């Protein structure tokens, strides 16, 4: 009996651990799936660095253009090129966010498959044990019915003899 109680406690611990892991994984997925990639720390950091680089390029360009006597048209053209480059960077960043979301969904699916395997390995012996108990119970019930039927046959014969 002690071994059965210990086994049941271990099974309960394992089940509770898997339920906790599944809950945590679901919470993580919901948080990640509902987060706009452009609002993540990685995206914000990339945008800040790109803006700093553009500011530095503009500052250096202004100094060089002033010293070289650049025209207003060339200044506007440089700003346009920098703006175009920044927009291309943002577009690439959005693409990275899309790839991140796809990778995250794949990782979530793989984790669920792993947990399904863990659940199966934990619950399968319990299911088999339950099936065996059910089969044993059915066999005992069928044997009991058969015994009762044979006893009734004997009893009915005795009653019939007594009545006659």
N, C-alpha and C. Protein backbone atom coordinates (compact mmCIF):
# COMPACT_ATOMS: atom_id res chain seq x y z
N UNK A 1 0.82 -1.19 0.00
CA UNK A 1 0.00 0.00 0.00
C UNK A 1 0.87 1.26 0.00
N UNK A 2 1.99 1.19 0.72
CA UNK A 2 2.89 2.34 0.78
C UNK A 2 3.44 2.67 -0.60
N UNK A 3 3.79 1.63 -1.37
CA UNK A 3 4.32 1.86 -2.72
C UNK A 3 3.27 2.49 -3.62
N UNK A 4 2.02 2.05 -3.46
CA UNK A 4 0.95 2.62 -4.28
C UNK A 4 0.75 4.09 -3.96
N UNK A 5 0.79 4.44 -2.67
CA UNK A 5 0.65 5.85 -2.27
C UNK A 5 1.78 6.70 -2.79
N UNK A 6 3.00 6.16 -2.73
CA UNK A 6 4.18 6.89 -3.22
C UNK A 6 4.09 7.09 -4.74
N UNK A 7 3.66 6.04 -5.43
CA UNK A 7 3.52 6.14 -6.89
C UNK A 7 2.46 7.17 -7.25
N UNK A 8 1.37 7.20 -6.50
CA UNK A 8 0.30 8.17 -6.76
C UNK A 8 0.80 9.59 -6.52
N UNK A 9 1.58 9.80 -5.46
CA UNK A 9 2.14 11.14 -5.19
C UNK A 9 3.07 11.57 -6.32
N UNK A 10 3.91 10.63 -6.79
CA UNK A 10 4.82 10.96 -7.89
C UNK A 10 4.04 11.29 -9.15
N UNK A 11 2.99 10.55 -9.42
CA UNK A 11 2.16 10.81 -10.59
C UNK A 11 1.49 12.18 -10.47
N UNK A 12 0.99 12.48 -9.29
CA UNK A 12 0.34 13.77 -9.07
C UNK A 12 1.34 14.92 -9.24
N UNK A 13 2.56 14.73 -8.73
CA UNK A 13 3.61 15.75 -8.90
C UNK A 13 3.93 15.96 -10.37
N UNK A 14 4.08 14.87 -11.10
CA UNK A 14 4.40 14.96 -12.53
C UNK A 14 3.28 15.65 -13.28
N UNK A 15 2.03 15.30 -12.97
CA UNK A 15 0.88 15.92 -13.63
C UNK A 15 0.84 17.41 -13.32
N UNK A 16 1.08 17.77 -12.08
CA UNK A 16 1.06 19.17 -11.69
C UNK A 16 2.17 19.95 -12.37
N UNK A 17 3.35 19.34 -12.49
CA UNK A 17 4.46 19.99 -13.18
C UNK A 17 4.15 20.24 -14.65
N UNK A 18 3.55 19.26 -15.30
CA UNK A 18 3.21 19.42 -16.72
C UNK A 18 2.12 20.46 -16.89
N UNK A 19 1.13 20.46 -16.03
CA UNK A 19 0.08 21.49 -16.11
C UNK A 19 0.67 22.88 -15.93
N UNK A 20 1.60 23.01 -15.01
CA UNK A 20 2.26 24.30 -14.78
C UNK A 20 3.07 24.72 -16.01
N UNK A 21 3.82 23.78 -16.58
CA UNK A 21 4.60 24.08 -17.79
C UNK A 21 3.68 24.50 -18.94
N UNK A 22 2.58 23.78 -19.10
CA UNK A 22 1.64 24.10 -20.18
C UNK A 22 1.04 25.48 -19.97
N UNK A 23 0.68 25.79 -18.74
CA UNK A 23 0.12 27.12 -18.44
C UNK A 23 1.15 28.21 -18.72
N UNK A 24 2.39 28.00 -18.27
CA UNK A 24 3.45 28.99 -18.50
C UNK A 24 3.73 29.17 -19.98
N UNK A 25 3.74 28.06 -20.71
CA UNK A 25 3.99 28.13 -22.16
C UNK A 25 2.86 28.89 -22.85
N UNK A 26 1.63 28.63 -22.44
CA UNK A 26 0.49 29.34 -23.02
C UNK A 26 0.55 30.83 -22.72
N UNK A 27 0.91 31.18 -21.49
CA UNK A 27 1.04 32.60 -21.13
C UNK A 27 2.13 33.28 -21.95
N UNK A 28 3.28 32.58 -22.10
CA UNK A 28 4.38 33.14 -22.89
C UNK A 28 3.93 33.36 -24.32
N UNK A 29 3.28 32.35 -24.90
CA UNK A 29 2.85 32.46 -26.30
C UNK A 29 1.86 33.61 -26.47
N UNK A 30 0.87 33.70 -25.58
CA UNK A 30 -0.11 34.78 -25.70
C UNK A 30 0.55 36.15 -25.60
N UNK A 31 1.51 36.28 -24.71
CA UNK A 31 2.21 37.55 -24.56
C UNK A 31 3.01 37.87 -25.84
N UNK A 32 3.73 36.89 -26.35
CA UNK A 32 4.55 37.11 -27.54
C UNK A 32 3.70 37.34 -28.78
N UNK A 33 2.63 36.56 -28.93
CA UNK A 33 1.79 36.66 -30.12
C UNK A 33 1.05 37.99 -30.18
N UNK A 34 0.78 38.57 -29.02
CA UNK A 34 0.03 39.83 -28.98
C UNK A 34 0.92 41.05 -28.86
N UNK A 35 2.23 40.86 -29.01
CA UNK A 35 3.17 41.98 -28.95
C UNK A 35 3.57 42.37 -30.36
N UNK A 36 3.42 43.64 -30.68
CA UNK A 36 3.88 44.15 -31.97
C UNK A 36 5.41 44.18 -31.94
N UNK A 37 6.02 43.54 -32.92
CA UNK A 37 7.48 43.43 -32.93
C UNK A 37 8.14 44.81 -32.89
N UNK A 38 7.51 45.79 -33.50
CA UNK A 38 8.10 47.13 -33.53
C UNK A 38 8.14 47.77 -32.14
N UNK A 39 7.40 47.18 -31.18
CA UNK A 39 7.41 47.69 -29.81
C UNK A 39 8.35 46.88 -28.90
N UNK A 40 9.08 45.94 -29.47
CA UNK A 40 10.01 45.15 -28.65
C UNK A 40 11.29 45.94 -28.41
N UNK A 41 12.02 45.52 -27.42
CA UNK A 41 13.28 46.19 -27.08
C UNK A 41 14.26 46.13 -28.25
N UNK A 42 14.30 44.98 -28.95
CA UNK A 42 15.24 44.83 -30.07
C UNK A 42 14.92 45.82 -31.19
N UNK A 43 13.64 45.94 -31.53
CA UNK A 43 13.25 46.86 -32.60
C UNK A 43 13.49 48.31 -32.19
N UNK A 44 13.13 48.65 -30.98
CA UNK A 44 13.32 50.03 -30.51
C UNK A 44 14.80 50.40 -30.50
N UNK A 45 15.63 49.46 -30.09
CA UNK A 45 17.07 49.71 -30.07
C UNK A 45 17.59 49.92 -31.49
N UNK A 46 17.14 49.09 -32.42
CA UNK A 46 17.57 49.23 -33.82
C UNK A 46 17.15 50.56 -34.41
N UNK A 47 15.92 50.96 -34.13
CA UNK A 47 15.42 52.25 -34.64
C UNK A 47 16.22 53.41 -34.05
N UNK A 48 16.49 53.35 -32.75
CA UNK A 48 17.26 54.42 -32.10
C UNK A 48 18.66 54.52 -32.71
N UNK A 49 19.31 53.38 -32.95
CA UNK A 49 20.65 53.39 -33.55
C UNK A 49 20.61 53.94 -34.97
N UNK A 50 19.58 53.57 -35.73
CA UNK A 50 19.47 54.07 -37.10
C UNK A 50 19.26 55.59 -37.09
N UNK A 51 18.42 56.09 -36.20
CA UNK A 51 18.21 57.54 -36.11
C UNK A 51 19.49 58.26 -35.72
N UNK A 52 20.23 57.68 -34.77
CA UNK A 52 21.51 58.29 -34.36
C UNK A 52 22.48 58.34 -35.53
N UNK A 53 22.55 57.27 -36.30
CA UNK A 53 23.43 57.24 -37.48
C UNK A 53 23.03 58.29 -38.50
N UNK A 54 21.72 58.44 -38.72
CA UNK A 54 21.25 59.45 -39.68
C UNK A 54 21.60 60.85 -39.19
N UNK A 55 21.40 61.10 -37.91
CA UNK A 55 21.75 62.41 -37.35
C UNK A 55 23.25 62.70 -37.51
N UNK A 56 24.08 61.68 -37.25
CA UNK A 56 25.53 61.86 -37.41
C UNK A 56 25.89 62.14 -38.86
N UNK A 57 25.30 61.40 -39.78
CA UNK A 57 25.58 61.61 -41.20
C UNK A 57 25.15 63.02 -41.61
N UNK A 58 23.96 63.44 -41.17
CA UNK A 58 23.47 64.78 -41.51
C UNK A 58 24.38 65.87 -40.92
N UNK A 59 24.80 65.67 -39.68
CA UNK A 59 25.67 66.65 -39.03
C UNK A 59 26.99 66.77 -39.79
N UNK A 60 27.59 65.62 -40.13
CA UNK A 60 28.85 65.64 -40.88
C UNK A 60 28.65 66.22 -42.28
N UNK A 61 27.52 65.85 -42.89
CA UNK A 61 27.25 66.35 -44.24
C UNK A 61 27.06 67.87 -44.23
N UNK A 62 26.37 68.38 -43.25
CA UNK A 62 26.17 69.84 -43.16
C UNK A 62 27.52 70.56 -43.05
N UNK A 63 28.38 70.00 -42.21
CA UNK A 63 29.71 70.63 -42.05
C UNK A 63 30.47 70.60 -43.36
N UNK A 64 30.48 69.46 -44.02
CA UNK A 64 31.21 69.31 -45.28
C UNK A 64 30.58 70.15 -46.38
N UNK A 65 29.25 70.18 -46.39
CA UNK A 65 28.57 70.95 -47.44
C UNK A 65 28.80 72.45 -47.24
N UNK A 66 28.79 72.87 -46.00
CA UNK A 66 29.01 74.30 -45.74
C UNK A 66 30.42 74.70 -46.15
N UNK A 67 31.37 73.80 -45.86
CA UNK A 67 32.76 74.11 -46.21
C UNK A 67 32.95 74.06 -47.72
N UNK A 68 32.23 73.18 -48.38
CA UNK A 68 32.42 73.02 -49.83
C UNK A 68 31.49 73.87 -50.65
N UNK A 69 30.54 74.54 -50.02
CA UNK A 69 29.62 75.40 -50.75
C UNK A 69 28.57 74.61 -51.51
N UNK A 70 27.98 73.60 -50.90
CA UNK A 70 26.97 72.77 -51.57
C UNK A 70 25.69 73.58 -51.77
N UNK A 71 24.97 73.19 -52.79
CA UNK A 71 23.71 73.87 -53.11
C UNK A 71 22.60 73.33 -52.22
N UNK A 72 21.50 74.09 -52.18
CA UNK A 72 20.34 73.64 -51.41
C UNK A 72 19.77 72.36 -51.99
N UNK A 73 19.83 72.22 -53.31
CA UNK A 73 19.32 71.01 -53.96
C UNK A 73 20.10 69.77 -53.52
N UNK A 74 21.39 69.90 -53.39
CA UNK A 74 22.20 68.74 -52.96
C UNK A 74 21.92 68.39 -51.50
N UNK A 75 21.63 69.41 -50.69
CA UNK A 75 21.27 69.14 -49.29
C UNK A 75 19.94 68.38 -49.22
N UNK A 76 18.97 68.84 -50.00
CA UNK A 76 17.66 68.17 -50.04
C UNK A 76 17.81 66.75 -50.57
N UNK A 77 18.65 66.57 -51.58
CA UNK A 77 18.87 65.24 -52.16
C UNK A 77 19.48 64.30 -51.11
N UNK A 78 20.43 64.79 -50.34
CA UNK A 78 21.05 63.97 -49.30
C UNK A 78 20.02 63.56 -48.24
N UNK A 79 19.20 64.52 -47.81
CA UNK A 79 18.15 64.19 -46.84
C UNK A 79 17.19 63.17 -47.41
N UNK A 80 16.85 63.30 -48.68
CA UNK A 80 15.96 62.34 -49.33
C UNK A 80 16.57 60.95 -49.36
N UNK A 81 17.86 60.86 -49.66
CA UNK A 81 18.54 59.56 -49.67
C UNK A 81 18.57 58.95 -48.28
N UNK A 82 18.86 59.78 -47.27
CA UNK A 82 18.88 59.27 -45.90
C UNK A 82 17.49 58.81 -45.47
N UNK A 83 16.48 59.58 -45.82
CA UNK A 83 15.10 59.22 -45.47
C UNK A 83 14.70 57.91 -46.17
N UNK A 84 15.09 57.77 -47.41
CA UNK A 84 14.80 56.54 -48.16
C UNK A 84 15.50 55.34 -47.52
N UNK A 85 16.75 55.55 -47.12
CA UNK A 85 17.49 54.47 -46.46
C UNK A 85 16.86 54.09 -45.13
N UNK A 86 16.38 55.09 -44.39
CA UNK A 86 15.73 54.81 -43.10
C UNK A 86 14.43 54.05 -43.32
N UNK A 87 13.66 54.44 -44.33
CA UNK A 87 12.41 53.73 -44.64
C UNK A 87 12.69 52.28 -45.04
N UNK A 88 13.77 52.07 -45.79
CA UNK A 88 14.15 50.70 -46.18
C UNK A 88 14.53 49.90 -44.93
N UNK A 89 15.25 50.55 -44.02
CA UNK A 89 15.62 49.89 -42.76
C UNK A 89 14.37 49.48 -41.99
N UNK A 90 13.39 50.39 -41.88
CA UNK A 90 12.15 50.08 -41.17
C UNK A 90 11.41 48.92 -41.84
N UNK A 91 11.39 48.91 -43.15
CA UNK A 91 10.76 47.82 -43.89
C UNK A 91 11.44 46.48 -43.58
N UNK A 92 12.77 46.49 -43.54
CA UNK A 92 13.51 45.27 -43.21
C UNK A 92 13.23 44.84 -41.77
N UNK A 93 13.08 45.82 -40.89
CA UNK A 93 12.80 45.52 -39.49
C UNK A 93 11.42 44.88 -39.35
N UNK A 94 10.45 45.37 -40.09
CA UNK A 94 9.11 44.76 -40.08
C UNK A 94 9.20 43.32 -40.60
N UNK A 95 10.00 43.10 -41.64
CA UNK A 95 10.21 41.74 -42.15
C UNK A 95 10.83 40.84 -41.10
N UNK A 96 11.77 41.38 -40.33
CA UNK A 96 12.38 40.60 -39.25
C UNK A 96 11.33 40.25 -38.20
N UNK A 97 10.43 41.17 -37.93
CA UNK A 97 9.34 40.91 -36.98
C UNK A 97 8.43 39.80 -37.46
N UNK A 98 8.14 39.79 -38.75
CA UNK A 98 7.31 38.72 -39.32
C UNK A 98 8.02 37.37 -39.19
N UNK A 99 9.31 37.35 -39.47
CA UNK A 99 10.07 36.10 -39.33
C UNK A 99 10.13 35.66 -37.87
N UNK A 100 10.26 36.64 -36.97
CA UNK A 100 10.28 36.33 -35.54
C UNK A 100 8.95 35.68 -35.12
N UNK A 101 7.83 36.27 -35.55
CA UNK A 101 6.52 35.72 -35.20
C UNK A 101 6.36 34.29 -35.72
N UNK A 102 6.81 34.05 -36.95
CA UNK A 102 6.72 32.70 -37.52
C UNK A 102 7.59 31.72 -36.74
N UNK A 103 8.79 32.14 -36.38
CA UNK A 103 9.69 31.27 -35.61
C UNK A 103 9.12 31.01 -34.22
N UNK A 104 8.51 32.03 -33.63
CA UNK A 104 7.91 31.88 -32.31
C UNK A 104 6.75 30.88 -32.35
N UNK A 105 5.92 30.96 -33.39
CA UNK A 105 4.81 30.02 -33.53
C UNK A 105 5.33 28.60 -33.71
N UNK A 106 6.40 28.46 -34.48
CA UNK A 106 7.00 27.14 -34.67
C UNK A 106 7.56 26.59 -33.37
N UNK A 107 8.23 27.44 -32.60
CA UNK A 107 8.79 27.01 -31.31
C UNK A 107 7.66 26.61 -30.35
N UNK A 108 6.57 27.35 -30.39
CA UNK A 108 5.42 27.04 -29.53
C UNK A 108 4.84 25.68 -29.91
N UNK A 109 4.68 25.44 -31.20
CA UNK A 109 4.16 24.15 -31.67
C UNK A 109 5.07 23.00 -31.26
N UNK A 110 6.39 23.19 -31.40
CA UNK A 110 7.33 22.15 -31.00
C UNK A 110 7.26 21.89 -29.50
N UNK A 111 7.12 22.94 -28.72
CA UNK A 111 7.02 22.78 -27.27
C UNK A 111 5.74 22.04 -26.89
N UNK A 112 4.64 22.34 -27.58
CA UNK A 112 3.40 21.62 -27.31
C UNK A 112 3.54 20.14 -27.65
N UNK A 113 4.21 19.84 -28.77
CA UNK A 113 4.43 18.44 -29.13
C UNK A 113 5.26 17.73 -28.07
N UNK A 114 6.28 18.39 -27.57
CA UNK A 114 7.11 17.80 -26.52
C UNK A 114 6.28 17.54 -25.27
N UNK A 115 5.46 18.51 -24.90
CA UNK A 115 4.62 18.33 -23.72
C UNK A 115 3.58 17.24 -23.94
N UNK A 116 3.07 17.12 -25.15
CA UNK A 116 2.13 16.03 -25.44
C UNK A 116 2.82 14.69 -25.21
N UNK A 117 4.06 14.57 -25.66
CA UNK A 117 4.82 13.34 -25.44
C UNK A 117 5.02 13.06 -23.96
N UNK A 118 5.31 14.12 -23.18
CA UNK A 118 5.46 13.95 -21.74
C UNK A 118 4.15 13.50 -21.11
N UNK A 119 3.05 14.14 -21.51
CA UNK A 119 1.75 13.76 -20.97
C UNK A 119 1.44 12.30 -21.29
N UNK A 120 1.74 11.93 -22.52
CA UNK A 120 1.45 10.56 -22.94
C UNK A 120 2.26 9.57 -22.11
N UNK A 121 3.53 9.87 -21.88
CA UNK A 121 4.36 8.94 -21.12
C UNK A 121 3.91 8.86 -19.66
N UNK A 122 3.33 9.92 -19.14
CA UNK A 122 2.87 9.91 -17.75
C UNK A 122 1.50 9.24 -17.63
N UNK A 123 0.60 9.58 -18.53
CA UNK A 123 -0.78 9.10 -18.40
C UNK A 123 -1.01 7.71 -19.01
N UNK A 124 -0.18 7.32 -19.96
CA UNK A 124 -0.40 6.05 -20.65
C UNK A 124 -0.41 4.86 -19.68
N UNK A 125 0.55 4.74 -18.74
CA UNK A 125 0.48 3.62 -17.80
C UNK A 125 -0.80 3.67 -16.95
N UNK A 126 -1.22 4.86 -16.60
CA UNK A 126 -2.43 5.01 -15.80
C UNK A 126 -3.65 4.56 -16.61
N UNK A 127 -3.67 4.91 -17.89
CA UNK A 127 -4.78 4.52 -18.75
C UNK A 127 -4.79 3.00 -18.91
N UNK A 128 -3.61 2.43 -19.17
CA UNK A 128 -3.53 0.97 -19.30
C UNK A 128 -4.00 0.29 -18.02
N UNK A 129 -3.56 0.83 -16.87
CA UNK A 129 -3.98 0.26 -15.59
C UNK A 129 -5.49 0.34 -15.43
N UNK A 130 -6.08 1.45 -15.82
CA UNK A 130 -7.53 1.61 -15.74
C UNK A 130 -8.25 0.63 -16.66
N UNK A 131 -7.70 0.42 -17.85
CA UNK A 131 -8.29 -0.55 -18.78
C UNK A 131 -8.21 -1.96 -18.20
N UNK A 132 -7.07 -2.27 -17.59
CA UNK A 132 -6.93 -3.60 -16.99
C UNK A 132 -7.91 -3.78 -15.84
N UNK A 133 -8.07 -2.73 -15.00
CA UNK A 133 -9.03 -2.82 -13.90
C UNK A 133 -10.45 -3.00 -14.42
N UNK A 134 -10.78 -2.28 -15.47
CA UNK A 134 -12.11 -2.40 -16.06
C UNK A 134 -12.33 -3.82 -16.60
N UNK A 135 -11.30 -4.35 -17.27
CA UNK A 135 -11.41 -5.71 -17.80
C UNK A 135 -11.55 -6.72 -16.66
N UNK A 136 -10.77 -6.55 -15.59
CA UNK A 136 -10.87 -7.46 -14.45
C UNK A 136 -12.25 -7.34 -13.79
N UNK A 137 -12.73 -6.12 -13.67
CA UNK A 137 -14.06 -5.92 -13.08
C UNK A 137 -15.14 -6.56 -13.93
N UNK A 138 -15.05 -6.40 -15.25
CA UNK A 138 -16.03 -7.00 -16.14
C UNK A 138 -15.97 -8.52 -16.05
N UNK A 139 -14.76 -9.07 -16.01
CA UNK A 139 -14.60 -10.53 -15.90
C UNK A 139 -15.20 -11.03 -14.59
N UNK A 140 -14.94 -10.31 -13.48
CA UNK A 140 -15.49 -10.72 -12.19
C UNK A 140 -17.02 -10.65 -12.22
N UNK A 141 -17.54 -9.60 -12.86
CA UNK A 141 -18.99 -9.45 -12.96
C UNK A 141 -19.59 -10.59 -13.78
N UNK A 142 -18.95 -10.91 -14.92
CA UNK A 142 -19.44 -12.00 -15.77
C UNK A 142 -19.37 -13.33 -15.03
N UNK A 143 -18.27 -13.56 -14.31
CA UNK A 143 -18.15 -14.80 -13.53
C UNK A 143 -19.22 -14.86 -12.45
N UNK A 144 -19.48 -13.74 -11.80
CA UNK A 144 -20.52 -13.68 -10.77
C UNK A 144 -21.89 -13.99 -11.35
N UNK A 145 -22.17 -13.45 -12.52
CA UNK A 145 -23.45 -13.74 -13.18
C UNK A 145 -23.56 -15.22 -13.53
N UNK A 146 -22.47 -15.75 -14.02
CA UNK A 146 -22.48 -17.17 -14.39
C UNK A 146 -22.69 -18.04 -13.16
N UNK A 147 -22.01 -17.70 -12.06
CA UNK A 147 -22.20 -18.45 -10.81
C UNK A 147 -23.63 -18.31 -10.31
N UNK A 148 -24.16 -17.10 -10.38
CA UNK A 148 -25.53 -16.89 -9.92
C UNK A 148 -26.51 -17.68 -10.78
N UNK A 149 -26.26 -17.70 -12.06
CA UNK A 149 -27.15 -18.44 -12.95
C UNK A 149 -27.11 -19.93 -12.65
N UNK A 150 -25.92 -20.46 -12.42
CA UNK A 150 -25.82 -21.89 -12.12
C UNK A 150 -26.44 -22.20 -10.76
N UNK A 151 -26.28 -21.30 -9.77
CA UNK A 151 -26.92 -21.50 -8.47
C UNK A 151 -28.43 -21.44 -8.60
N UNK A 152 -28.91 -20.53 -9.42
CA UNK A 152 -30.36 -20.42 -9.61
C UNK A 152 -30.91 -21.68 -10.26
N UNK A 153 -30.17 -22.21 -11.20
CA UNK A 153 -30.63 -23.42 -11.88
C UNK A 153 -30.77 -24.54 -10.86
N UNK A 154 -29.76 -24.67 -10.00
CA UNK A 154 -29.82 -25.69 -8.95
C UNK A 154 -30.96 -25.42 -7.99
N UNK A 155 -31.18 -24.18 -7.64
CA UNK A 155 -32.23 -23.80 -6.70
C UNK A 155 -33.59 -24.04 -7.32
N UNK A 156 -33.74 -23.67 -8.59
CA UNK A 156 -35.03 -23.86 -9.26
C UNK A 156 -35.35 -25.36 -9.32
N UNK A 157 -34.32 -26.16 -9.59
CA UNK A 157 -34.56 -27.62 -9.62
C UNK A 157 -34.98 -28.14 -8.26
N UNK A 158 -34.34 -27.63 -7.20
CA UNK A 158 -34.70 -28.08 -5.84
C UNK A 158 -36.11 -27.67 -5.48
N UNK A 159 -36.45 -26.41 -5.85
CA UNK A 159 -37.81 -25.92 -5.57
C UNK A 159 -38.81 -26.75 -6.34
N UNK A 160 -38.49 -27.04 -7.59
CA UNK A 160 -39.42 -27.83 -8.40
C UNK A 160 -39.63 -29.22 -7.81
N UNK A 161 -38.57 -29.84 -7.31
CA UNK A 161 -38.67 -31.14 -6.68
C UNK A 161 -39.50 -31.04 -5.42
N UNK A 162 -39.35 -30.00 -4.68
CA UNK A 162 -40.06 -29.83 -3.42
C UNK A 162 -41.55 -29.65 -3.68
N UNK A 163 -41.86 -28.89 -4.76
CA UNK A 163 -43.25 -28.63 -5.09
C UNK A 163 -43.95 -29.91 -5.57
N UNK A 164 -43.22 -30.78 -6.18
CA UNK A 164 -43.86 -31.96 -6.73
C UNK A 164 -44.07 -32.98 -5.71
